[in-house]
Amino acid sequence: MKMYKTGGWKELIEVVEPTKVTERSVWFSNGRTAKRSNYGNYWDTMKEAKEHLEAKYNNSIQAAESKIERAKANLEELNKY
């Protein structure tokens, strides 16, 4: 059974083959891991993995753009002084 891991160190999306899968866990020969965590997420399809990463990166872009806008506004506010 193939699954697609995001959040790994090698690739944006890695193809992995667990020995067992439940609703919350994925098992490999060296042990069990959570399906969803800060360290990695395991998806049943490549489409789900891509959608997850697209949302993650779009959120990062929006957060960065907001930070830039706040910094620009703060620079403008410095003109008051």
C-alpha atoms as a PDB file:
ATOM      1  CA  MET A   1       0.000   0.000   0.000  1.00  0.00           C
ATOM      2  CA  LYS A   2       1.405   3.405  -1.005  1.00  0.00           C
ATOM      3  CA  MET A   3       0.990   6.603   0.977  1.00  0.00           C
ATOM      4  CA  TYR A   4       2.319  10.074   0.404  1.00  0.00           C
ATOM      5  CA  LYS A   5       4.294  11.820   3.132  1.00  0.00           C
ATOM      6  CA  THR A   6       4.629  15.586   3.389  1.00  0.00           C
ATOM      7  CA  GLY A   7       6.934  17.327   5.833  1.00  0.00           C
ATOM      8  CA  GLY A   8       9.908  15.064   5.316  1.00  0.00           C
ATOM      9  CA  TRP A   9      13.515  16.093   4.854  1.00  0.00           C
ATOM     10  CA  LYS A  10      14.234  14.673   1.407  1.00  0.00           C
ATOM     11  CA  GLU A  11      11.399  15.722  -0.871  1.00  0.00           C
ATOM     12  CA  LEU A  12       8.257  17.841  -0.634  1.00  0.00           C
ATOM     13  CA  ILE A  13       6.244  14.648  -1.138  1.00  0.00           C
ATOM     14  CA  GLU A  14       7.718  11.202  -0.483  1.00  0.00           C
ATOM     15  CA  VAL A  15       6.116   7.922  -1.501  1.00  0.00           C
ATOM     16  CA  VAL A  16       6.182   5.526   1.455  1.00  0.00           C
ATOM     17  CA  GLU A  17       4.891   2.016   2.005  1.00  0.00           C
ATOM     18  CA  PRO A  18       3.628   1.413   5.543  1.00  0.00           C
ATOM     19  CA  THR A  19       2.948  -2.051   6.872  1.00  0.00           C
ATOM     20  CA  LYS A  20      -0.295  -0.998   8.590  1.00  0.00           C
ATOM     21  CA  VAL A  21      -2.565   2.056   8.618  1.00  0.00           C
ATOM     22  CA  THR A  22      -5.351   3.069  10.988  1.00  0.00           C
ATOM     23  CA  GLU A  23      -7.400   6.250  11.264  1.00  0.00           C
ATOM     24  CA  ARG A  24      -4.711   8.002  13.326  1.00  0.00           C
ATOM     25  CA  SER A  25      -1.507   6.003  12.893  1.00  0.00           C
ATOM     26  CA  VAL A  26       0.857   4.642  10.283  1.00  0.00           C
ATOM     27  CA  TRP A  27       3.134   1.687  11.020  1.00  0.00           C
ATOM     28  CA  PHE A  28       6.487   0.923   9.463  1.00  0.00           C
ATOM     29  CA  SER A  29       8.958  -1.855  10.161  1.00  0.00           C
ATOM     30  CA  ASN A  30      10.737   0.413  12.669  1.00  0.00           C
ATOM     31  CA  GLY A  31       7.625   1.522  14.558  1.00  0.00           C
ATOM     32  CA  ARG A  32       4.458   3.605  14.599  1.00  0.00           C
ATOM     33  CA  THR A  33       3.940   7.283  13.855  1.00  0.00           C
ATOM     34  CA  ALA A  34       0.968   9.624  13.848  1.00  0.00           C
ATOM     35  CA  LYS A  35      -0.765  10.253  10.526  1.00  0.00           C
ATOM     36  CA  ARG A  36      -0.840  13.987  11.264  1.00  0.00           C
ATOM     37  CA  SER A  37       1.890  15.748  13.208  1.00  0.00           C
ATOM     38  CA  ASN A  38       4.291  18.687  13.108  1.00  0.00           C
ATOM     39  CA  TYR A  39       6.955  16.356  11.746  1.00  0.00           C
ATOM     40  CA  GLY A  40       5.062  14.715   8.917  1.00  0.00           C
ATOM     41  CA  ASN A  41       1.665  14.005   7.443  1.00  0.00           C
ATOM     42  CA  TYR A  42       0.645  10.883   5.586  1.00  0.00           C
ATOM     43  CA  TRP A  43      -1.928  11.031   2.802  1.00  0.00           C
ATOM     44  CA  ASP A  44      -3.784   8.328   0.901  1.00  0.00           C
ATOM     45  CA  THR A  45      -3.468  10.086  -2.457  1.00  0.00           C
ATOM     46  CA  MET A  46      -0.997  12.344  -4.203  1.00  0.00           C
ATOM     47  CA  LYS A  47      -3.861  14.819  -4.741  1.00  0.00           C
ATOM     48  CA  GLU A  48      -4.456  15.135  -0.969  1.00  0.00           C
ATOM     49  CA  ALA A  49      -0.734  15.650  -0.357  1.00  0.00           C
ATOM     50  CA  LYS A  50      -0.523  18.358  -3.017  1.00  0.00           C
ATOM     51  CA  GLU A  51      -3.657  20.120  -1.739  1.00  0.00           C
ATOM     52  CA  HIS A  52      -2.226  20.118   1.792  1.00  0.00           C
ATOM     53  CA  LEU A  53       1.051  21.663   0.631  1.00  0.00           C
ATOM     54  CA  GLU A  54      -0.695  24.205  -1.590  1.00  0.00           C
ATOM     55  CA  ALA A  55      -2.786  25.390   1.361  1.00  0.00           C
ATOM     56  CA  LYS A  56       0.264  25.456   3.636  1.00  0.00           C
ATOM     57  CA  TYR A  57       2.350  27.521   1.208  1.00  0.00           C
ATOM     58  CA  ASN A  58      -0.518  29.853   0.345  1.00  0.00           C
ATOM     59  CA  ASN A  59      -0.988  30.521   4.080  1.00  0.00           C
ATOM     60  CA  SER A  60       2.734  31.231   4.420  1.00  0.00           C
ATOM     61  CA  ILE A  61       2.582  33.678   1.521  1.00  0.00           C
ATOM     62  CA  GLN A  62      -0.455  35.463   2.968  1.00  0.00           C
ATOM     63  CA  ALA A  63       1.216  35.722   6.375  1.00  0.00           C
ATOM     64  CA  ALA A  64       4.382  37.130   4.820  1.00  0.00           C
ATOM     65  CA  GLU A  65       2.417  39.650   2.754  1.00  0.00           C
ATOM     66  CA  SER A  66       0.549  40.769   5.886  1.00  0.00           C
ATOM     67  CA  LYS A  67       3.838  41.183   7.726  1.00  0.00           C
ATOM     68  CA  ILE A  68       5.211  43.299   4.878  1.00  0.00           C
ATOM     69  CA  GLU A  69       2.113  45.503   4.884  1.00  0.00           C
ATOM     70  CA  ARG A  70       2.374  46.031   8.652  1.00  0.00           C
ATOM     71  CA  ALA A  71       6.053  46.924   8.302  1.00  0.00           C
ATOM     72  CA  LYS A  72       5.257  49.427   5.538  1.00  0.00           C
ATOM     73  CA  ALA A  73       2.519  50.995   7.683  1.00  0.00           C
ATOM     74  CA  ASN A  74       4.920  51.246  10.629  1.00  0.00           C
ATOM     75  CA  LEU A  75       7.511  52.957   8.420  1.00  0.00           C
ATOM     76  CA  GLU A  76       4.889  55.473   7.314  1.00  0.00           C
ATOM     77  CA  GLU A  77       3.906  56.061  10.930  1.00  0.00           C
ATOM     78  CA  LEU A  78       7.515  56.981  11.736  1.00  0.00           C
ATOM     79  CA  ASN A  79       7.001  60.158   9.714  1.00  0.00           C
ATOM     80  CA  LYS A  80       4.884  61.467  12.591  1.00  0.00           C
ATOM     81  CA  TYR A  81       7.955  61.758  14.768  1.00  0.00           C
END
